[in-house]
Amino acid sequence: MVGSGIFEGGRRGTVGLRDVLQFATGATEEPVLGFVLHPSIEFVESTPGTSFIPTASTCTNTLKIPRPSAEIPLPQEEDLFSYYDYAFSNAYFGLM
């Protein structure tokens, strides 16, 4: 089980910082001279009809993490981390 059945019946590998970096920036490693735009994290309020799956703007190197709102509570911890695993394991440009 996981969340809304995203991973039913399968095992997935571990997610590391490299996966998060690739998801947020599109780069598999930090450039030798650093990023022109420093990577950042933005906490965005969840609204009805959205999920807690993180998104990214690779053009601005911004990782967007949904946060709970008055209308939408935080999912159970297992479900929340499953959403993160799903997003960071699928860090292909245009996929998420």
C-alpha atoms as a PDB file:
ATOM      1  CA  MET A   1       0.000   0.000   0.000  1.00  0.00           C
ATOM      2  CA  VAL A   2       1.120   3.496  -0.273  1.00  0.00           C
ATOM      3  CA  GLY A   3      -0.917   6.622  -0.541  1.00  0.00           C
ATOM      4  CA  SER A   4      -3.425   6.116  -3.279  1.00  0.00           C
ATOM      5  CA  GLY A   5      -1.918   2.882  -4.574  1.00  0.00           C
ATOM      6  CA  ILE A   6       1.037   4.466  -6.336  1.00  0.00           C
ATOM      7  CA  PHE A   7       3.440   1.668  -5.338  1.00  0.00           C
ATOM      8  CA  GLU A   8       1.104  -1.262  -4.740  1.00  0.00           C
ATOM      9  CA  GLY A   9       2.829  -4.601  -4.788  1.00  0.00           C
ATOM     10  CA  GLY A  10       6.345  -3.423  -5.625  1.00  0.00           C
ATOM     11  CA  ARG A  11       9.560  -2.534  -3.918  1.00  0.00           C
ATOM     12  CA  ARG A  12      11.457   0.609  -4.671  1.00  0.00           C
ATOM     13  CA  GLY A  13      15.060   1.582  -4.144  1.00  0.00           C
ATOM     14  CA  THR A  14      16.316   4.171  -1.728  1.00  0.00           C
ATOM     15  CA  VAL A  15      16.141   7.861  -2.499  1.00  0.00           C
ATOM     16  CA  GLY A  16      19.249   9.942  -1.858  1.00  0.00           C
ATOM     17  CA  LEU A  17      20.255  13.580  -2.003  1.00  0.00           C
ATOM     18  CA  ARG A  18      21.433  13.085  -5.593  1.00  0.00           C
ATOM     19  CA  ASP A  19      17.850  12.167  -6.548  1.00  0.00           C
ATOM     20  CA  VAL A  20      16.491  15.271  -4.827  1.00  0.00           C
ATOM     21  CA  LEU A  21      19.105  17.455  -6.557  1.00  0.00           C
ATOM     22  CA  GLN A  22      18.223  16.011  -9.958  1.00  0.00           C
ATOM     23  CA  PHE A  23      14.511  16.460  -9.289  1.00  0.00           C
ATOM     24  CA  ALA A  24      14.899  20.110  -8.234  1.00  0.00           C
ATOM     25  CA  THR A  25      17.536  21.257 -10.723  1.00  0.00           C
ATOM     26  CA  GLY A  26      17.702  18.729 -13.536  1.00  0.00           C
ATOM     27  CA  ALA A  27      21.424  18.276 -12.793  1.00  0.00           C
ATOM     28  CA  THR A  28      22.850  14.976 -11.572  1.00  0.00           C
ATOM     29  CA  GLU A  29      25.632  16.760  -9.687  1.00  0.00           C
ATOM     30  CA  GLU A  30      26.601  20.263  -8.654  1.00  0.00           C
ATOM     31  CA  PRO A  31      28.402  22.188 -11.421  1.00  0.00           C
ATOM     32  CA  VAL A  32      32.120  22.796 -10.828  1.00  0.00           C
ATOM     33  CA  LEU A  33      31.572  26.562 -10.555  1.00  0.00           C
ATOM     34  CA  GLY A  34      28.313  26.173  -8.650  1.00  0.00           C
ATOM     35  CA  PHE A  35      24.792  27.019  -9.710  1.00  0.00           C
ATOM     36  CA  VAL A  36      24.086  30.459 -11.163  1.00  0.00           C
ATOM     37  CA  LEU A  37      20.737  30.339  -9.353  1.00  0.00           C
ATOM     38  CA  HIS A  38      21.193  28.698  -5.969  1.00  0.00           C
ATOM     39  CA  PRO A  39      18.751  25.829  -5.342  1.00  0.00           C
ATOM     40  CA  SER A  40      15.928  26.766  -2.989  1.00  0.00           C
ATOM     41  CA  ILE A  41      12.963  25.175  -1.242  1.00  0.00           C
ATOM     42  CA  GLU A  42       9.529  26.751  -1.287  1.00  0.00           C
ATOM     43  CA  PHE A  43       6.748  25.523   0.995  1.00  0.00           C
ATOM     44  CA  VAL A  44       3.443  25.958  -0.823  1.00  0.00           C
ATOM     45  CA  GLU A  45       0.031  25.721   0.807  1.00  0.00           C
ATOM     46  CA  SER A  46      -2.081  22.807  -0.360  1.00  0.00           C
ATOM     47  CA  THR A  47      -5.382  23.660  -1.953  1.00  0.00           C
ATOM     48  CA  PRO A  48      -8.389  21.440  -2.667  1.00  0.00           C
ATOM     49  CA  GLY A  49      -7.712  19.240  -5.672  1.00  0.00           C
ATOM     50  CA  THR A  50      -3.933  19.124  -5.191  1.00  0.00           C
ATOM     51  CA  SER A  51      -1.787  16.372  -3.711  1.00  0.00           C
ATOM     52  CA  PHE A  52       1.233  16.344  -1.436  1.00  0.00           C
ATOM     53  CA  ILE A  53       3.552  15.217  -4.233  1.00  0.00           C
ATOM     54  CA  PRO A  54       6.459  17.686  -4.442  1.00  0.00           C
ATOM     55  CA  THR A  55       7.038  19.598  -7.668  1.00  0.00           C
ATOM     56  CA  ALA A  56      10.028  21.486  -9.017  1.00  0.00           C
ATOM     57  CA  SER A  57      10.819  24.415 -11.252  1.00  0.00           C
ATOM     58  CA  THR A  58      14.114  23.382 -12.806  1.00  0.00           C
ATOM     59  CA  CYS A  59      14.509  26.732 -14.578  1.00  0.00           C
ATOM     60  CA  THR A  60      14.755  28.458 -11.174  1.00  0.00           C
ATOM     61  CA  ASN A  61      16.179  25.462  -9.233  1.00  0.00           C
ATOM     62  CA  THR A  62      13.215  25.530  -6.862  1.00  0.00           C
ATOM     63  CA  LEU A  63      11.856  22.512  -5.016  1.00  0.00           C
ATOM     64  CA  LYS A  64       8.218  23.059  -4.031  1.00  0.00           C
ATOM     65  CA  ILE A  65       7.043  21.099  -0.993  1.00  0.00           C
ATOM     66  CA  PRO A  66       3.295  21.148  -0.261  1.00  0.00           C
ATOM     67  CA  ARG A  67       2.300  22.000   3.307  1.00  0.00           C
ATOM     68  CA  PRO A  68      -1.035  21.443   5.030  1.00  0.00           C
ATOM     69  CA  SER A  69      -3.700  24.119   5.072  1.00  0.00           C
ATOM     70  CA  ALA A  70      -6.819  24.777   7.116  1.00  0.00           C
ATOM     71  CA  GLU A  71      -8.864  22.646   4.692  1.00  0.00           C
ATOM     72  CA  ILE A  72      -6.319  19.921   3.932  1.00  0.00           C
ATOM     73  CA  PRO A  73      -4.512  18.109   6.762  1.00  0.00           C
ATOM     74  CA  LEU A  74      -1.087  16.520   6.462  1.00  0.00           C
ATOM     75  CA  PRO A  75      -1.268  12.884   5.242  1.00  0.00           C
ATOM     76  CA  GLN A  76      -0.079  10.028   7.423  1.00  0.00           C
ATOM     77  CA  GLU A  77       3.724   9.858   7.618  1.00  0.00           C
ATOM     78  CA  GLU A  78       3.965   6.654   5.537  1.00  0.00           C
ATOM     79  CA  ASP A  79       1.816   8.144   2.782  1.00  0.00           C
ATOM     80  CA  LEU A  80       3.703  11.442   2.833  1.00  0.00           C
ATOM     81  CA  PHE A  81       7.097   9.788   2.428  1.00  0.00           C
ATOM     82  CA  SER A  82       5.687   7.572  -0.304  1.00  0.00           C
ATOM     83  CA  TYR A  83       4.699  10.718  -2.215  1.00  0.00           C
ATOM     84  CA  TYR A  84       8.240  12.059  -1.755  1.00  0.00           C
ATOM     85  CA  ASP A  85       9.783   8.752  -2.874  1.00  0.00           C
ATOM     86  CA  TYR A  86       7.543   8.733  -5.929  1.00  0.00           C
ATOM     87  CA  ALA A  87       8.506  12.273  -6.930  1.00  0.00           C
ATOM     88  CA  PHE A  88      12.241  12.013  -6.276  1.00  0.00           C
ATOM     89  CA  SER A  89      12.506   8.598  -7.961  1.00  0.00           C
ATOM     90  CA  ASN A  90      10.974  10.017 -11.139  1.00  0.00           C
ATOM     91  CA  ALA A  91      13.215  13.014 -11.728  1.00  0.00           C
ATOM     92  CA  TYR A  92      12.950  13.107 -15.499  1.00  0.00           C
ATOM     93  CA  PHE A  93      12.419  16.482 -17.106  1.00  0.00           C
ATOM     94  CA  GLY A  94       8.764  17.063 -17.902  1.00  0.00           C
ATOM     95  CA  LEU A  95       7.530  14.019 -15.965  1.00  0.00           C
ATOM     96  CA  MET A  96       6.469  15.705 -12.748  1.00  0.00           C
END
